Amino acid sequence: MKPASAPHILITGFGPFPGAPANPAAGLARDLARLRRPALAGTRRSLRILPTLWEEAAGFPSTLDTLAPDIVLMIGLAARRRAVSIEWLGRNRTRLLPDAARRRPADSRFEVGAAAIRRGGFDPAPLLHALAAAGLPARLSRDAGGYVCNALAWSAYGWARHGEHPRLTVFVHIPRPRAGGRLDRGRMLRGLGNLMVRLVAQHRLMAATAR
């Protein structure tokens, strides 16, 4: 088992997709990967900016097996939302929309015969508090949509259930940042940094109880 005091955090953001030629999730993911906080000292962080492709989400468990993170923080853009949303569920469904390569999924379900939902294994209350502490509007969402973001959450939440050591995966949808208000980019970075600190604390507790 890996040392609970030094978790490996994988942070992901998405590249552009139809309707979002510039995706702010990518820049926030990059900044989080190099964020300095005393509570994050000793953590190892990896960064992946993922192309917004259906096949990328389908192959994400293989990527996770290779990188072997303890914590996966996934960030995606939901431009029309008014609050930062922690996605509680990944759903076994798609709306058959075109991805960044203009390709559509072959089926309306990711895995025929699988459960309709997969639930994140995190405790949402401290994560919501972490976002609110930065002054962000925050909510727990039970619907990650029908696009690649939901597909990634579905894949990652399933992956987290298997393995030799505790794994935490969480998908966060951000609205498009708005300068000077409650959805200011700097405020988002602080809030997501707070959230990452809480994920580290949750993982350490999971690892301690699993011994």
C-alpha atoms as a PDB file:
ATOM      1  CA  MET A   1       0.000   0.000   0.000  1.00  0.00           C
ATOM      2  CA  LYS A   2       1.218   3.535  -0.786  1.00  0.00           C
ATOM      3  CA  PRO A   3       2.024   5.868   2.101  1.00  0.00           C
ATOM      4  CA  ALA A   4      -1.126   7.720   3.115  1.00  0.00           C
ATOM      5  CA  SER A   5       0.918  10.882   3.760  1.00  0.00           C
ATOM      6  CA  ALA A   6       2.042  11.307   0.145  1.00  0.00           C
ATOM      7  CA  PRO A   7      -0.837  10.686  -2.258  1.00  0.00           C
ATOM      8  CA  HIS A   8      -0.429  10.998  -5.999  1.00  0.00           C
ATOM      9  CA  ILE A   9      -3.000  13.434  -7.431  1.00  0.00           C
ATOM     10  CA  LEU A  10      -3.953  13.375 -11.098  1.00  0.00           C
ATOM     11  CA  ILE A  11      -5.598  16.594 -12.284  1.00  0.00           C
ATOM     12  CA  THR A  12      -7.354  16.644 -15.635  1.00  0.00           C
ATOM     13  CA  GLY A  13      -8.929  19.330 -17.765  1.00  0.00           C
ATOM     14  CA  PHE A  14     -10.388  19.243 -21.239  1.00  0.00           C
ATOM     15  CA  GLY A  15      -9.339  20.876 -24.471  1.00  0.00           C
ATOM     16  CA  PRO A  16     -11.749  22.654 -26.831  1.00  0.00           C
ATOM     17  CA  PHE A  17     -14.985  21.165 -28.104  1.00  0.00           C
ATOM     18  CA  PRO A  18     -17.853  22.362 -30.331  1.00  0.00           C
ATOM     19  CA  GLY A  19     -19.186  25.563 -28.780  1.00  0.00           C
ATOM     20  CA  ALA A  20     -16.090  26.088 -26.595  1.00  0.00           C
ATOM     21  CA  PRO A  21     -13.031  26.910 -28.737  1.00  0.00           C
ATOM     22  CA  ALA A  22     -11.213  27.975 -25.554  1.00  0.00           C
ATOM     23  CA  ASN A  23     -11.828  25.742 -22.555  1.00  0.00           C
ATOM     24  CA  PRO A  24     -11.030  27.398 -19.185  1.00  0.00           C
ATOM     25  CA  ALA A  25     -10.937  23.994 -17.475  1.00  0.00           C
ATOM     26  CA  ALA A  26      -7.541  23.337 -19.058  1.00  0.00           C
ATOM     27  CA  GLY A  27      -5.917  26.464 -17.620  1.00  0.00           C
ATOM     28  CA  LEU A  28      -7.347  25.862 -14.161  1.00  0.00           C
ATOM     29  CA  ALA A  29      -6.076  22.282 -14.220  1.00  0.00           C
ATOM     30  CA  ARG A  30      -2.583  23.519 -15.134  1.00  0.00           C
ATOM     31  CA  ASP A  31      -2.600  26.049 -12.292  1.00  0.00           C
ATOM     32  CA  LEU A  32      -3.805  23.463  -9.779  1.00  0.00           C
ATOM     33  CA  ALA A  33      -1.010  21.110 -10.795  1.00  0.00           C
ATOM     34  CA  ARG A  34       1.567  23.661  -9.633  1.00  0.00           C
ATOM     35  CA  LEU A  35      -0.400  25.234  -6.776  1.00  0.00           C
ATOM     36  CA  ARG A  36       1.609  25.682  -3.576  1.00  0.00           C
ATOM     37  CA  ARG A  37      -0.201  25.077  -0.301  1.00  0.00           C
ATOM     38  CA  PRO A  38       1.288  23.839   2.997  1.00  0.00           C
ATOM     39  CA  ALA A  39      -1.460  21.198   3.196  1.00  0.00           C
ATOM     40  CA  LEU A  40      -0.374  19.870  -0.209  1.00  0.00           C
ATOM     41  CA  ALA A  41       3.304  19.543   0.681  1.00  0.00           C
ATOM     42  CA  GLY A  42       4.585  16.063  -0.073  1.00  0.00           C
ATOM     43  CA  THR A  43       1.893  15.287  -2.625  1.00  0.00           C
ATOM     44  CA  ARG A  44       2.877  14.298  -6.141  1.00  0.00           C
ATOM     45  CA  ARG A  45       0.793  15.820  -8.883  1.00  0.00           C
ATOM     46  CA  SER A  46       0.313  14.825 -12.502  1.00  0.00           C
ATOM     47  CA  LEU A  47      -1.508  16.791 -15.180  1.00  0.00           C
ATOM     48  CA  ARG A  48      -3.402  15.630 -18.242  1.00  0.00           C
ATOM     49  CA  ILE A  49      -5.230  17.931 -20.633  1.00  0.00           C
ATOM     50  CA  LEU A  50      -7.552  15.530 -22.383  1.00  0.00           C
ATOM     51  CA  PRO A  51      -8.940  15.937 -25.877  1.00  0.00           C
ATOM     52  CA  THR A  52     -12.715  16.114 -25.718  1.00  0.00           C
ATOM     53  CA  LEU A  53     -13.264  12.777 -27.425  1.00  0.00           C
ATOM     54  CA  TRP A  54     -15.604   9.908 -26.664  1.00  0.00           C
ATOM     55  CA  GLU A  55     -12.773   7.441 -27.179  1.00  0.00           C
ATOM     56  CA  GLU A  56     -10.640   9.311 -24.630  1.00  0.00           C
ATOM     57  CA  ALA A  57     -13.285   8.795 -21.944  1.00  0.00           C
ATOM     58  CA  ALA A  58     -13.721   5.141 -22.877  1.00  0.00           C
ATOM     59  CA  GLY A  59      -9.983   4.536 -22.556  1.00  0.00           C
ATOM     60  CA  PHE A  60      -9.575   6.553 -19.357  1.00  0.00           C
ATOM     61  CA  PRO A  61      -9.410   3.507 -17.033  1.00  0.00           C
ATOM     62  CA  SER A  62      -6.350   2.282 -18.945  1.00  0.00           C
ATOM     63  CA  THR A  63      -4.756   5.708 -18.521  1.00  0.00           C
ATOM     64  CA  LEU A  64      -5.484   5.555 -14.800  1.00  0.00           C
ATOM     65  CA  ASP A  65      -4.026   2.064 -14.524  1.00  0.00           C
ATOM     66  CA  THR A  66      -0.812   3.358 -16.106  1.00  0.00           C
ATOM     67  CA  LEU A  67      -0.522   6.500 -13.980  1.00  0.00           C
ATOM     68  CA  ALA A  68      -1.797   4.829 -10.770  1.00  0.00           C
ATOM     69  CA  PRO A  69      -3.041   7.960  -8.970  1.00  0.00           C
ATOM     70  CA  ASP A  70      -4.554   7.897  -5.507  1.00  0.00           C
ATOM     71  CA  ILE A  71      -6.772  10.920  -6.196  1.00  0.00           C
ATOM     72  CA  VAL A  72      -8.242  12.009  -9.521  1.00  0.00           C
ATOM     73  CA  LEU A  73      -9.640  15.538  -9.796  1.00  0.00           C
ATOM     74  CA  MET A  74     -11.380  16.044 -13.142  1.00  0.00           C
ATOM     75  CA  ILE A  75     -12.482  19.506 -14.262  1.00  0.00           C
ATOM     76  CA  GLY A  76     -14.903  20.241 -17.076  1.00  0.00           C
ATOM     77  CA  LEU A  77     -16.793  23.234 -18.424  1.00  0.00           C
ATOM     78  CA  ALA A  78     -20.569  23.607 -18.080  1.00  0.00           C
ATOM     79  CA  ALA A  79     -20.855  27.142 -19.428  1.00  0.00           C
ATOM     80  CA  ARG A  80     -24.547  27.659 -18.671  1.00  0.00           C
ATOM     81  CA  ARG A  81     -24.416  26.680 -15.015  1.00  0.00           C
ATOM     82  CA  ARG A  82     -24.386  29.330 -12.329  1.00  0.00           C
ATOM     83  CA  ALA A  83     -22.547  27.340  -9.662  1.00  0.00           C
ATOM     84  CA  VAL A  84     -19.504  25.125  -9.442  1.00  0.00           C
ATOM     85  CA  SER A  85     -20.959  21.618  -9.442  1.00  0.00           C
ATOM     86  CA  ILE A  86     -19.541  18.511  -7.810  1.00  0.00           C
ATOM     87  CA  GLU A  87     -20.822  15.567  -9.812  1.00  0.00           C
ATOM     88  CA  TRP A  88     -22.164  12.895  -7.469  1.00  0.00           C
ATOM     89  CA  LEU A  89     -23.046  10.438 -10.257  1.00  0.00           C
ATOM     90  CA  GLY A  90     -21.776   9.170 -13.577  1.00  0.00           C
ATOM     91  CA  ARG A  91     -24.609   7.887 -15.739  1.00  0.00           C
ATOM     92  CA  ASN A  92     -24.535   5.050 -18.243  1.00  0.00           C
ATOM     93  CA  ARG A  93     -25.936   7.175 -21.046  1.00  0.00           C
ATOM     94  CA  THR A  94     -25.033   9.651 -23.775  1.00  0.00           C
ATOM     95  CA  ARG A  95     -26.909  12.148 -25.905  1.00  0.00           C
ATOM     96  CA  LEU A  96     -25.001  11.058 -29.051  1.00  0.00           C
ATOM     97  CA  LEU A  97     -23.495  14.525 -29.532  1.00  0.00           C
ATOM     98  CA  PRO A  98     -20.388  15.064 -31.690  1.00  0.00           C
ATOM     99  CA  ASP A  99     -17.055  15.379 -29.885  1.00  0.00           C
ATOM    100  CA  ALA A 100     -14.102  17.604 -30.823  1.00  0.00           C
ATOM    101  CA  ALA A 101     -13.361  15.329 -33.785  1.00  0.00           C
ATOM    102  CA  ARG A 102     -17.029  15.499 -34.869  1.00  0.00           C
ATOM    103  CA  ARG A 103     -17.497  11.844 -34.005  1.00  0.00           C
ATOM    104  CA  ARG A 104     -20.535  10.482 -32.210  1.00  0.00           C
ATOM    105  CA  PRO A 105     -20.695   7.456 -29.892  1.00  0.00           C
ATOM    106  CA  ALA A 106     -21.969   4.235 -31.415  1.00  0.00           C
ATOM    107  CA  ASP A 107     -24.560   3.606 -28.688  1.00  0.00           C
ATOM    108  CA  SER A 108     -26.611   5.610 -26.214  1.00  0.00           C
ATOM    109  CA  ARG A 109     -25.067   3.556 -23.376  1.00  0.00           C
ATOM    110  CA  PHE A 110     -21.400   3.230 -22.509  1.00  0.00           C
ATOM    111  CA  GLU A 111     -21.740  -0.345 -21.314  1.00  0.00           C
ATOM    112  CA  VAL A 112     -24.732  -2.468 -22.239  1.00  0.00           C
ATOM    113  CA  GLY A 113     -26.004  -4.419 -19.230  1.00  0.00           C
ATOM    114  CA  ALA A 114     -24.108  -2.290 -16.691  1.00  0.00           C
ATOM    115  CA  ALA A 115     -25.727  -0.340 -13.867  1.00  0.00           C
ATOM    116  CA  ALA A 116     -27.523   2.880 -14.780  1.00  0.00           C
ATOM    117  CA  ILE A 117     -25.371   4.967 -12.432  1.00  0.00           C
ATOM    118  CA  ARG A 118     -22.002   4.926 -10.708  1.00  0.00           C
ATOM    119  CA  ARG A 119     -21.618   6.992  -7.573  1.00  0.00           C
ATOM    120  CA  GLY A 120     -18.534   8.916  -6.542  1.00  0.00           C
ATOM    121  CA  GLY A 121     -16.893   7.498  -3.424  1.00  0.00           C
ATOM    122  CA  PHE A 122     -16.121  10.883  -1.852  1.00  0.00           C
ATOM    123  CA  ASP A 123     -17.820  12.702   1.030  1.00  0.00           C
ATOM    124  CA  PRO A 124     -19.410  15.701  -0.709  1.00  0.00           C
ATOM    125  CA  ALA A 125     -20.098  17.954   2.290  1.00  0.00           C
ATOM    126  CA  PRO A 126     -16.457  18.960   3.011  1.00  0.00           C
ATOM    127  CA  LEU A 127     -15.861  19.506  -0.709  1.00  0.00           C
ATOM    128  CA  LEU A 128     -18.843  21.836  -1.012  1.00  0.00           C
ATOM    129  CA  HIS A 129     -17.676  23.691   2.087  1.00  0.00           C
ATOM    130  CA  ALA A 130     -14.205  24.055   0.547  1.00  0.00           C
ATOM    131  CA  LEU A 131     -15.664  25.753  -2.521  1.00  0.00           C
ATOM    132  CA  ALA A 132     -17.994  27.957  -0.487  1.00  0.00           C
ATOM    133  CA  ALA A 133     -15.082  29.055   1.723  1.00  0.00           C
ATOM    134  CA  ALA A 134     -13.611  30.757  -1.356  1.00  0.00           C
ATOM    135  CA  GLY A 135     -16.892  32.586  -1.927  1.00  0.00           C
ATOM    136  CA  LEU A 136     -17.990  30.390  -4.809  1.00  0.00           C
ATOM    137  CA  PRO A 137     -21.580  29.334  -5.414  1.00  0.00           C
ATOM    138  CA  ALA A 138     -21.407  25.548  -5.155  1.00  0.00           C
ATOM    139  CA  ARG A 139     -23.834  22.660  -5.424  1.00  0.00           C
ATOM    140  CA  LEU A 140     -23.950  18.885  -5.505  1.00  0.00           C
ATOM    141  CA  SER A 141     -25.138  17.747  -8.927  1.00  0.00           C
ATOM    142  CA  ARG A 142     -26.793  14.433  -9.721  1.00  0.00           C
ATOM    143  CA  ASP A 143     -26.656  14.904 -13.474  1.00  0.00           C
ATOM    144  CA  ALA A 144     -23.307  15.377 -15.228  1.00  0.00           C
ATOM    145  CA  GLY A 145     -25.053  15.776 -18.585  1.00  0.00           C
ATOM    146  CA  GLY A 146     -24.881  13.564 -21.629  1.00  0.00           C
ATOM    147  CA  TYR A 147     -21.512  14.585 -23.046  1.00  0.00           C
ATOM    148  CA  VAL A 148     -17.863  13.553 -22.659  1.00  0.00           C
ATOM    149  CA  CYS A 149     -17.688  14.949 -19.103  1.00  0.00           C
ATOM    150  CA  ASN A 150     -20.288  12.459 -17.925  1.00  0.00           C
ATOM    151  CA  ALA A 151     -18.499   9.698 -19.841  1.00  0.00           C
ATOM    152  CA  LEU A 152     -15.249  10.520 -18.028  1.00  0.00           C
ATOM    153  CA  ALA A 153     -16.982  10.555 -14.634  1.00  0.00           C
ATOM    154  CA  TRP A 154     -18.636   7.206 -15.436  1.00  0.00           C
ATOM    155  CA  SER A 155     -15.277   5.677 -16.351  1.00  0.00           C
ATOM    156  CA  ALA A 156     -13.366   7.116 -13.397  1.00  0.00           C
ATOM    157  CA  TYR A 157     -16.002   6.315 -10.773  1.00  0.00           C
ATOM    158  CA  GLY A 158     -16.021   2.714 -11.940  1.00  0.00           C
ATOM    159  CA  TRP A 159     -12.224   2.522 -11.899  1.00  0.00           C
ATOM    160  CA  ALA A 160     -12.072   3.825  -8.318  1.00  0.00           C
ATOM    161  CA  ARG A 161     -13.988   0.812  -7.020  1.00  0.00           C
ATOM    162  CA  HIS A 162     -11.190  -1.591  -7.887  1.00  0.00           C
ATOM    163  CA  GLY A 163      -7.571  -1.755  -6.794  1.00  0.00           C
ATOM    164  CA  GLU A 164      -5.214  -2.665  -4.007  1.00  0.00           C
ATOM    165  CA  HIS A 165      -5.282   0.736  -2.289  1.00  0.00           C
ATOM    166  CA  PRO A 166      -7.956   3.410  -1.671  1.00  0.00           C
ATOM    167  CA  ARG A 167      -8.824   5.604  -4.644  1.00  0.00           C
ATOM    168  CA  LEU A 168     -10.754   8.874  -4.750  1.00  0.00           C
ATOM    169  CA  THR A 169     -12.172  10.268  -7.992  1.00  0.00           C
ATOM    170  CA  VAL A 170     -14.292  13.404  -8.344  1.00  0.00           C
ATOM    171  CA  PHE A 171     -15.562  15.338 -11.343  1.00  0.00           C
ATOM    172  CA  VAL A 172     -16.182  19.082 -10.965  1.00  0.00           C
ATOM    173  CA  HIS A 173     -18.070  21.170 -13.517  1.00  0.00           C
ATOM    174  CA  ILE A 174     -17.184  24.864 -13.627  1.00  0.00           C
ATOM    175  CA  PRO A 175     -19.276  27.643 -15.163  1.00  0.00           C
ATOM    176  CA  ARG A 176     -17.444  29.961 -17.528  1.00  0.00           C
ATOM    177  CA  PRO A 177     -15.393  32.325 -15.293  1.00  0.00           C
ATOM    178  CA  ARG A 178     -16.608  35.925 -15.053  1.00  0.00           C
ATOM    179  CA  ALA A 179     -14.107  38.594 -14.033  1.00  0.00           C
ATOM    180  CA  GLY A 180     -14.767  40.461 -10.818  1.00  0.00           C
ATOM    181  CA  GLY A 181     -17.739  38.482  -9.513  1.00  0.00           C
ATOM    182  CA  ARG A 182     -18.392  35.339  -7.511  1.00  0.00           C
ATOM    183  CA  LEU A 183     -17.286  33.271 -10.513  1.00  0.00           C
ATOM    184  CA  ASP A 184     -13.997  35.108 -10.943  1.00  0.00           C
ATOM    185  CA  ARG A 185     -11.184  32.857 -12.183  1.00  0.00           C
ATOM    186  CA  GLY A 186      -8.952  33.597  -9.190  1.00  0.00           C
ATOM    187  CA  ARG A 187     -11.781  32.697  -6.834  1.00  0.00           C
ATOM    188  CA  MET A 188     -12.295  29.441  -8.754  1.00  0.00           C
ATOM    189  CA  LEU A 189      -8.621  28.583  -8.408  1.00  0.00           C
ATOM    190  CA  ARG A 190      -8.735  29.209  -4.649  1.00  0.00           C
ATOM    191  CA  GLY A 191     -11.885  27.154  -4.269  1.00  0.00           C
ATOM    192  CA  LEU A 192     -10.559  24.233  -6.290  1.00  0.00           C
ATOM    193  CA  GLY A 193      -7.329  24.422  -4.308  1.00  0.00           C
ATOM    194  CA  ASN A 194      -9.371  24.185  -1.108  1.00  0.00           C
ATOM    195  CA  LEU A 195     -11.217  21.216  -2.575  1.00  0.00           C
ATOM    196  CA  MET A 196      -7.963  19.474  -3.428  1.00  0.00           C
ATOM    197  CA  VAL A 197      -6.788  19.897   0.167  1.00  0.00           C
ATOM    198  CA  ARG A 198     -10.010  18.271   1.404  1.00  0.00           C
ATOM    199  CA  LEU A 199      -9.568  15.390  -1.042  1.00  0.00           C
ATOM    200  CA  VAL A 200      -6.099  14.746   0.367  1.00  0.00           C
ATOM    201  CA  ALA A 201      -7.562  14.687   3.890  1.00  0.00           C
ATOM    202  CA  GLN A 202     -10.315  12.281   2.814  1.00  0.00           C
ATOM    203  CA  HIS A 203      -7.842   9.991   1.107  1.00  0.00           C
ATOM    204  CA  ARG A 204      -5.588   9.879   4.171  1.00  0.00           C
ATOM    205  CA  LEU A 205      -8.573   8.913   6.306  1.00  0.00           C
ATOM    206  CA  MET A 206      -9.559   6.195   3.830  1.00  0.00           C
ATOM    207  CA  ALA A 207      -6.014   4.849   3.755  1.00  0.00           C
ATOM    208  CA  ALA A 208      -5.768   4.848   7.553  1.00  0.00           C
ATOM    209  CA  THR A 209      -9.016   2.932   7.998  1.00  0.00           C
ATOM    210  CA  ALA A 210      -8.035   0.429   5.283  1.00  0.00           C
ATOM    211  CA  ARG A 211      -4.897  -0.701   7.126  1.00  0.00           C
END
